[in-house]
C-alpha atoms as a PDB file:
ATOM      1  CA  UNK A   1      60.001  95.585  94.894  1.00  0.00           C
ATOM      2  CA  UNK A   2      60.697  92.216  93.294  1.00  0.00           C
ATOM      3  CA  UNK A   3      63.279  89.799  94.619  1.00  0.00           C
ATOM      4  CA  UNK A   4      65.448  90.539  91.594  1.00  0.00           C
ATOM      5  CA  UNK A   5      65.309  94.287  92.181  1.00  0.00           C
ATOM      6  CA  UNK A   6      66.063  93.789  95.858  1.00  0.00           C
ATOM      7  CA  UNK A   7      69.082  91.575  95.085  1.00  0.00           C
ATOM      8  CA  UNK A   8      70.400  94.146  92.607  1.00  0.00           C
ATOM      9  CA  UNK A   9      69.967  96.956  95.147  1.00  0.00           C
ATOM     10  CA  UNK A  10      71.742  94.982  97.882  1.00  0.00           C
ATOM     11  CA  UNK A  11      74.584  94.082  95.521  1.00  0.00           C
ATOM     12  CA  UNK A  12      74.972  97.705  94.444  1.00  0.00           C
ATOM     13  CA  UNK A  13      74.970  98.842  98.076  1.00  0.00           C
ATOM     14  CA  UNK A  14      77.694  96.392  99.074  1.00  0.00           C
ATOM     15  CA  UNK A  15      79.753  97.289  95.998  1.00  0.00           C
ATOM     16  CA  UNK A  16      79.494 100.973  96.977  1.00  0.00           C
ATOM     17  CA  UNK A  17      80.471 100.199 100.571  1.00  0.00           C
ATOM     18  CA  UNK A  18      83.426  98.152  99.326  1.00  0.00           C
ATOM     19  CA  UNK A  19      84.679 101.074  97.226  1.00  0.00           C
ATOM     20  CA  UNK A  20      84.379 103.402 100.240  1.00  0.00           C
ATOM     21  CA  UNK A  21      86.321 100.956 102.447  1.00  0.00           C
ATOM     22  CA  UNK A  22      89.061 100.538  99.847  1.00  0.00           C
ATOM     23  CA  UNK A  23      89.333 104.321  99.451  1.00  0.00           C
ATOM     24  CA  UNK A  24      89.478 104.906 103.194  1.00  0.00           C
ATOM     25  CA  UNK A  25      92.055 102.138 103.653  1.00  0.00           C
ATOM     26  CA  UNK A  26      94.218 103.640 100.916  1.00  0.00           C
ATOM     27  CA  UNK A  27      93.846 107.130 102.383  1.00  0.00           C
ATOM     28  CA  UNK A  28      94.702 105.985 105.894  1.00  0.00           C
ATOM     29  CA  UNK A  29      97.759 104.096 104.622  1.00  0.00           C
ATOM     30  CA  UNK A  30      98.938 107.213 102.814  1.00  0.00           C
ATOM     31  CA  UNK A  31      98.209 109.338 105.874  1.00  0.00           C
ATOM     32  CA  UNK A  32     100.119 106.967 108.142  1.00  0.00           C
ATOM     33  CA  UNK A  33     103.015 106.990 105.655  1.00  0.00           C
ATOM     34  CA  UNK A  34     103.035 110.789 105.554  1.00  0.00           C
ATOM     35  CA  UNK A  35     102.840 110.930 109.340  1.00  0.00           C
ATOM     36  CA  UNK A  36     105.748 108.493 109.665  1.00  0.00           C
ATOM     37  CA  UNK A  37     107.834 110.440 107.143  1.00  0.00           C
ATOM     38  CA  UNK A  38     107.117 113.729 108.907  1.00  0.00           C
ATOM     39  CA  UNK A  39     107.895 112.198 112.273  1.00  0.00           C
ATOM     40  CA  UNK A  40     111.167 110.725 111.030  1.00  0.00           C
ATOM     41  CA  UNK A  41     112.183 114.086 109.576  1.00  0.00           C
ATOM     42  CA  UNK A  42     111.526 115.692 112.940  1.00  0.00           C
ATOM     43  CA  UNK A  43     113.568 113.012 114.704  1.00  0.00           C
ATOM     44  CA  UNK A  44     116.444 113.414 112.223  1.00  0.00           C
ATOM     45  CA  UNK A  45     116.345 117.183 112.767  1.00  0.00           C
ATOM     46  CA  UNK A  46     116.441 116.675 116.545  1.00  0.00           C
ATOM     47  CA  UNK A  47     119.382 114.269 116.230  1.00  0.00           C
ATOM     48  CA  UNK A  48     121.262 116.746 114.047  1.00  0.00           C
ATOM     49  CA  UNK A  49     120.656 119.595 116.477  1.00  0.00           C
ATOM     50  CA  UNK A  50     121.652 117.418 119.407  1.00  0.00           C
ATOM     51  CA  UNK A  51     124.975 116.417 117.880  1.00  0.00           C
ATOM     52  CA  UNK A  52     126.044 119.261 115.614  1.00  0.00           C
ATOM     53  CA  UNK A  53     124.878 122.516 117.195  1.00  0.00           C
ATOM     54  CA  UNK A  54     126.807 122.433 120.451  1.00  0.00           C
ATOM     55  CA  UNK A  55     129.898 121.228 122.263  1.00  0.00           C
ATOM     56  CA  UNK A  56     127.986 119.020 124.691  1.00  0.00           C
ATOM     57  CA  UNK A  57     127.625 119.056 128.488  1.00  0.00           C
ATOM     58  CA  UNK A  58     130.259 119.311 129.834  1.00  0.00           C
ATOM     59  CA  UNK A  59     131.844 121.087 126.864  1.00  0.00           C
ATOM     60  CA  UNK A  60     135.040 119.009 127.256  1.00  0.00           C
ATOM     61  CA  UNK A  61     133.244 115.680 127.705  1.00  0.00           C
ATOM     62  CA  UNK A  62     135.653 113.966 125.296  1.00  0.00           C
ATOM     63  CA  UNK A  63     138.406 114.202 127.925  1.00  0.00           C
ATOM     64  CA  UNK A  64     136.548 111.963 130.383  1.00  0.00           C
ATOM     65  CA  UNK A  65     135.410 108.354 130.489  1.00  0.00           C
ATOM     66  CA  UNK A  66     132.027 108.906 132.160  1.00  0.00           C
ATOM     67  CA  UNK A  67     128.856 109.336 130.105  1.00  0.00           C
ATOM     68  CA  UNK A  68     128.219 113.042 129.528  1.00  0.00           C
ATOM     69  CA  UNK A  69     124.880 114.729 130.124  1.00  0.00           C
ATOM     70  CA  UNK A  70     124.819 115.639 126.441  1.00  0.00           C
ATOM     71  CA  UNK A  71     127.080 114.728 123.533  1.00  0.00           C
ATOM     72  CA  UNK A  72     127.990 117.549 121.146  1.00  0.00           C
ATOM     73  CA  UNK A  73     130.464 117.282 118.277  1.00  0.00           C
ATOM     74  CA  UNK A  74     131.413 120.889 117.579  1.00  0.00           C
ATOM     75  CA  UNK A  75     134.295 123.118 118.588  1.00  0.00           C
ATOM     76  CA  UNK A  76     135.399 126.693 117.976  1.00  0.00           C
ATOM     77  CA  UNK A  77     137.414 127.488 114.871  1.00  0.00           C
ATOM     78  CA  UNK A  78     139.206 130.818 114.482  1.00  0.00           C
ATOM     79  CA  UNK A  79     140.967 132.580 111.673  1.00  0.00           C
ATOM     80  CA  UNK A  80     142.936 135.799 111.289  1.00  0.00           C
ATOM     81  CA  UNK A  81     143.011 137.498 107.856  1.00  0.00           C
ATOM     82  CA  UNK A  82     146.478 138.582 106.717  1.00  0.00           C
ATOM     83  CA  UNK A  83     147.268 140.939 103.823  1.00  0.00           C
ATOM     84  CA  UNK A  84     150.843 140.713 102.481  1.00  0.00           C
ATOM     85  CA  UNK A  85     151.999 143.558 100.201  1.00  0.00           C
ATOM     86  CA  UNK A  86     155.210 143.779  98.151  1.00  0.00           C
ATOM     87  CA  UNK A  87     156.748 147.239  98.783  1.00  0.00           C
ATOM     88  CA  UNK A  88     159.939 147.227  96.707  1.00  0.00           C
ATOM     89  CA  UNK A  89     158.384 147.360  93.226  1.00  0.00           C
ATOM     90  CA  UNK A  90     160.092 144.137  92.110  1.00  0.00           C
ATOM     91  CA  UNK A  91     159.073 140.564  91.489  1.00  0.00           C
ATOM     92  CA  UNK A  92     159.708 138.409  94.571  1.00  0.00           C
ATOM     93  CA  UNK A  93     160.002 134.675  93.929  1.00  0.00           C
ATOM     94  CA  UNK A  94     159.284 132.225  96.734  1.00  0.00           C
ATOM     95  CA  UNK A  95     160.270 134.535  99.572  1.00  0.00           C
ATOM     96  CA  UNK A  96     159.715 133.810 103.259  1.00  0.00           C
ATOM     97  CA  UNK A  97     157.047 135.951 104.908  1.00  0.00           C
ATOM     98  CA  UNK A  98     156.825 136.479 108.652  1.00  0.00           C
ATOM     99  CA  UNK A  99     153.848 137.800 110.595  1.00  0.00           C
ATOM    100  CA  UNK A 100     153.645 138.081 114.390  1.00  0.00           C
ATOM    101  CA  UNK A 101     150.314 136.891 115.787  1.00  0.00           C
ATOM    102  CA  UNK A 102     148.816 137.173 119.258  1.00  0.00           C
ATOM    103  CA  UNK A 103     146.590 134.102 119.261  1.00  0.00           C
ATOM    104  CA  UNK A 104     145.320 134.092 122.829  1.00  0.00           C
ATOM    105  CA  UNK A 105     146.581 137.002 124.916  1.00  0.00           C
ATOM    106  CA  UNK A 106     144.281 136.193 127.863  1.00  0.00           C
ATOM    107  CA  UNK A 107     145.098 132.455 127.808  1.00  0.00           C
ATOM    108  CA  UNK A 108     141.568 131.116 127.331  1.00  0.00           C
ATOM    109  CA  UNK A 109     142.948 127.882 125.827  1.00  0.00           C
ATOM    110  CA  UNK A 110     141.788 128.659 122.296  1.00  0.00           C
ATOM    111  CA  UNK A 111     144.904 127.788 120.277  1.00  0.00           C
ATOM    112  CA  UNK A 112     146.789 124.501 120.078  1.00  0.00           C
ATOM    113  CA  UNK A 113     149.930 125.070 118.013  1.00  0.00           C
ATOM    114  CA  UNK A 114     149.541 121.893 115.914  1.00  0.00           C
ATOM    115  CA  UNK A 115     146.171 123.149 114.663  1.00  0.00           C
ATOM    116  CA  UNK A 116     147.558 126.225 112.856  1.00  0.00           C
ATOM    117  CA  UNK A 117     147.057 126.181 109.081  1.00  0.00           C
ATOM    118  CA  UNK A 118     147.502 128.840 106.372  1.00  0.00           C
ATOM    119  CA  UNK A 119     145.208 129.226 103.330  1.00  0.00           C
ATOM    120  CA  UNK A 120     144.767 131.808 100.611  1.00  0.00           C
ATOM    121  CA  UNK A 121     141.440 133.094  99.276  1.00  0.00           C
ATOM    122  CA  UNK A 122     141.219 130.129  96.880  1.00  0.00           C
ATOM    123  CA  UNK A 123     141.516 127.671  99.795  1.00  0.00           C
ATOM    124  CA  UNK A 124     145.005 126.621  98.719  1.00  0.00           C
ATOM    125  CA  UNK A 125     147.029 125.543 101.738  1.00  0.00           C
ATOM    126  CA  UNK A 126     150.479 126.993 102.381  1.00  0.00           C
ATOM    127  CA  UNK A 127     153.003 125.230 104.575  1.00  0.00           C
ATOM    128  CA  UNK A 128     154.372 127.261 107.445  1.00  0.00           C
ATOM    129  CA  UNK A 129     156.675 127.232 110.461  1.00  0.00           C
ATOM    130  CA  UNK A 130     156.201 128.752 113.918  1.00  0.00           C
ATOM    131  CA  UNK A 131     158.989 130.736 115.574  1.00  0.00           C
ATOM    132  CA  UNK A 132     159.303 132.462 118.955  1.00  0.00           C
ATOM    133  CA  UNK A 133     156.335 130.655 120.413  1.00  0.00           C
ATOM    134  CA  UNK A 134     155.082 131.650 123.855  1.00  0.00           C
ATOM    135  CA  UNK A 135     152.712 129.406 125.777  1.00  0.00           C
ATOM    136  CA  UNK A 136     150.105 129.665 128.498  1.00  0.00           C
ATOM    137  CA  UNK A 137     150.464 127.605 131.664  1.00  0.00           C
ATOM    138  CA  UNK A 138     148.116 125.055 130.101  1.00  0.00           C
ATOM    139  CA  UNK A 139     150.544 124.699 127.142  1.00  0.00           C
ATOM    140  CA  UNK A 140     148.079 126.305 124.738  1.00  0.00           C
ATOM    141  CA  UNK A 141     149.685 128.820 122.422  1.00  0.00           C
ATOM    142  CA  UNK A 142     149.760 132.456 123.459  1.00  0.00           C
ATOM    143  CA  UNK A 143     151.636 134.121 120.580  1.00  0.00           C
ATOM    144  CA  UNK A 144     154.003 133.213 117.764  1.00  0.00           C
ATOM    145  CA  UNK A 145     155.721 134.338 114.585  1.00  0.00           C
ATOM    146  CA  UNK A 146     154.186 132.533 111.600  1.00  0.00           C
ATOM    147  CA  UNK A 147     156.523 132.062 108.615  1.00  0.00           C
ATOM    148  CA  UNK A 148     155.428 130.860 105.182  1.00  0.00           C
ATOM    149  CA  UNK A 149     156.699 131.365 101.622  1.00  0.00           C
ATOM    150  CA  UNK A 150     155.086 132.805  98.487  1.00  0.00           C
ATOM    151  CA  UNK A 151     155.810 134.765  95.318  1.00  0.00           C
ATOM    152  CA  UNK A 152     154.753 138.397  94.836  1.00  0.00           C
ATOM    153  CA  UNK A 153     154.489 140.626  91.793  1.00  0.00           C
ATOM    154  CA  UNK A 154     155.658 144.269  92.076  1.00  0.00           C
ATOM    155  CA  UNK A 155     153.485 146.097  94.634  1.00  0.00           C
ATOM    156  CA  UNK A 156     151.194 143.077  94.720  1.00  0.00           C
ATOM    157  CA  UNK A 157     148.845 142.550  97.693  1.00  0.00           C
ATOM    158  CA  UNK A 158     147.605 139.086  98.613  1.00  0.00           C
ATOM    159  CA  UNK A 159     145.179 137.957 101.285  1.00  0.00           C
ATOM    160  CA  UNK A 160     145.665 134.902 103.492  1.00  0.00           C
ATOM    161  CA  UNK A 161     143.930 133.317 106.453  1.00  0.00           C
ATOM    162  CA  UNK A 162     145.612 131.759 109.472  1.00  0.00           C
ATOM    163  CA  UNK A 163     143.258 129.149 110.968  1.00  0.00           C
ATOM    164  CA  UNK A 164     143.548 127.689 114.469  1.00  0.00           C
ATOM    165  CA  UNK A 165     141.495 125.969 117.150  1.00  0.00           C
ATOM    166  CA  UNK A 166     141.860 124.288 120.568  1.00  0.00           C
ATOM    167  CA  UNK A 167     141.947 120.852 118.874  1.00  0.00           C
ATOM    168  CA  UNK A 168     144.821 118.714 120.181  1.00  0.00           C
ATOM    169  CA  UNK A 169     144.296 115.724 117.866  1.00  0.00           C
ATOM    170  CA  UNK A 170     145.623 117.501 114.778  1.00  0.00           C
ATOM    171  CA  UNK A 171     148.728 116.094 113.081  1.00  0.00           C
ATOM    172  CA  UNK A 172     151.503 118.736 113.224  1.00  0.00           C
ATOM    173  CA  UNK A 173     153.204 120.087 110.133  1.00  0.00           C
ATOM    174  CA  UNK A 174     156.813 118.913 109.802  1.00  0.00           C
ATOM    175  CA  UNK A 175     157.700 121.440 107.109  1.00  0.00           C
ATOM    176  CA  UNK A 176     160.424 123.963 107.994  1.00  0.00           C
ATOM    177  CA  UNK A 177     160.977 127.413 106.480  1.00  0.00           C
ATOM    178  CA  UNK A 178     163.937 129.517 107.554  1.00  0.00           C
ATOM    179  CA  UNK A 179     163.177 132.712 109.397  1.00  0.00           C
ATOM    180  CA  UNK A 180     163.233 135.583 106.839  1.00  0.00           C
ATOM    181  CA  UNK A 181     165.931 138.270 106.778  1.00  0.00           C
ATOM    182  CA  UNK A 182     164.417 140.440 104.018  1.00  0.00           C
ATOM    183  CA  UNK A 183     161.821 143.100 104.773  1.00  0.00           C
ATOM    184  CA  UNK A 184     160.617 144.448 101.409  1.00  0.00           C
ATOM    185  CA  UNK A 185     157.018 143.653 102.214  1.00  0.00           C
ATOM    186  CA  UNK A 186     154.358 144.407 104.791  1.00  0.00           C
ATOM    187  CA  UNK A 187     152.179 141.803 106.533  1.00  0.00           C
ATOM    188  CA  UNK A 188     149.107 143.235 108.260  1.00  0.00           C
ATOM    189  CA  UNK A 189     146.916 141.137 110.544  1.00  0.00           C
ATOM    190  CA  UNK A 190     143.196 141.968 110.817  1.00  0.00           C
ATOM    191  CA  UNK A 191     140.706 141.177 113.606  1.00  0.00           C
ATOM    192  CA  UNK A 192     139.993 137.569 114.429  1.00  0.00           C
ATOM    193  CA  UNK A 193     136.937 135.774 113.040  1.00  0.00           C
ATOM    194  CA  UNK A 194     135.148 132.892 114.778  1.00  0.00           C
ATOM    195  CA  UNK A 195     133.338 129.878 113.302  1.00  0.00           C
ATOM    196  CA  UNK A 196     131.904 126.531 114.371  1.00  0.00           C
ATOM    197  CA  UNK A 197     133.517 123.311 113.166  1.00  0.00           C
ATOM    198  CA  UNK A 198     133.280 119.581 113.806  1.00  0.00           C
ATOM    199  CA  UNK A 199     135.749 118.531 116.481  1.00  0.00           C
ATOM    200  CA  UNK A 200     138.228 115.796 115.612  1.00  0.00           C
ATOM    201  CA  UNK A 201     138.733 115.021 119.306  1.00  0.00           C
ATOM    202  CA  UNK A 202     135.005 114.682 119.933  1.00  0.00           C
ATOM    203  CA  UNK A 203     134.504 112.497 116.853  1.00  0.00           C
ATOM    204  CA  UNK A 204     137.281 110.190 118.069  1.00  0.00           C
ATOM    205  CA  UNK A 205     135.700 110.092 121.534  1.00  0.00           C
ATOM    206  CA  UNK A 206     132.301 109.290 120.002  1.00  0.00           C
ATOM    207  CA  UNK A 207     133.758 106.151 118.432  1.00  0.00           C
ATOM    208  CA  UNK A 208     134.717 104.940 121.896  1.00  0.00           C
ATOM    209  CA  UNK A 209     131.169 105.326 123.260  1.00  0.00           C
ATOM    210  CA  UNK A 210     128.570 102.583 123.102  1.00  0.00           C
ATOM    211  CA  UNK A 211     125.429 103.038 121.038  1.00  0.00           C
ATOM    212  CA  UNK A 212     123.273 102.936 124.179  1.00  0.00           C
ATOM    213  CA  UNK A 213     125.325 105.722 125.809  1.00  0.00           C
ATOM    214  CA  UNK A 214     124.879 108.023 122.833  1.00  0.00           C
ATOM    215  CA  UNK A 215     121.197 107.160 122.448  1.00  0.00           C
ATOM    216  CA  UNK A 216     120.476 107.970 126.097  1.00  0.00           C
ATOM    217  CA  UNK A 217     122.077 111.387 125.872  1.00  0.00           C
ATOM    218  CA  UNK A 218     119.939 112.220 122.829  1.00  0.00           C
ATOM    219  CA  UNK A 219     116.741 111.082 124.527  1.00  0.00           C
ATOM    220  CA  UNK A 220     115.335 109.308 121.450  1.00  0.00           C
ATOM    221  CA  UNK A 221     114.106 105.748 120.866  1.00  0.00           C
ATOM    222  CA  UNK A 222     114.840 105.545 117.138  1.00  0.00           C
ATOM    223  CA  UNK A 223     117.889 103.771 115.803  1.00  0.00           C
ATOM    224  CA  UNK A 224     120.309 106.020 113.946  1.00  0.00           C
ATOM    225  CA  UNK A 225     123.697 106.151 112.270  1.00  0.00           C
ATOM    226  CA  UNK A 226     126.139 109.085 112.301  1.00  0.00           C
ATOM    227  CA  UNK A 227     128.257 109.570 109.199  1.00  0.00           C
ATOM    228  CA  UNK A 228     130.595 112.533 108.650  1.00  0.00           C
ATOM    229  CA  UNK A 229     132.523 113.026 105.418  1.00  0.00           C
ATOM    230  CA  UNK A 230     135.020 115.712 104.482  1.00  0.00           C
END
């Protein structure tokens, strides 16, 4: 082999090796990027589960100043479906409706009276007033008459939902409706339904915790930011 042929062969070899190195470097960079993205997704999922799938340990950690074992931001949300039916065969304009509700007969501290809200099936909120309230020793609501107003067509039936929770940081409704005297309707309450919701009290308590406190309870080393919008 001549010197020229040898030089060409060596040059070709190094060019080939260079291409291989560039390809491997590009592949490894992509692989590292994919690994980082996958890892970050896993971390984000773990953060979400840690904060938004439980109440925390203890479940009422927001009531104390010490650092909890685990921070959770959820609470129980309840609702009772109500069906109101006009029974007189006439149009009823803006009449007051009353329904008696047993919110917490065994006093398990599930209902704070300020948390009660009334919605129809279209998520339109109705203002209401509570009458004849009875309370548990803990001052959570036991039972009450719930009064709100609406209009009904002849023999019309409308469905509503009364929502409530143990949340104490809810602004009370100052609207007042007089207790009804008419009775040309029926109001039937159906079995309670239970959901999970973000706790206002726990969110407020979270703002008073340091970043390091929250990070320790989650057991992660990544920096994060919690943002909740309505």
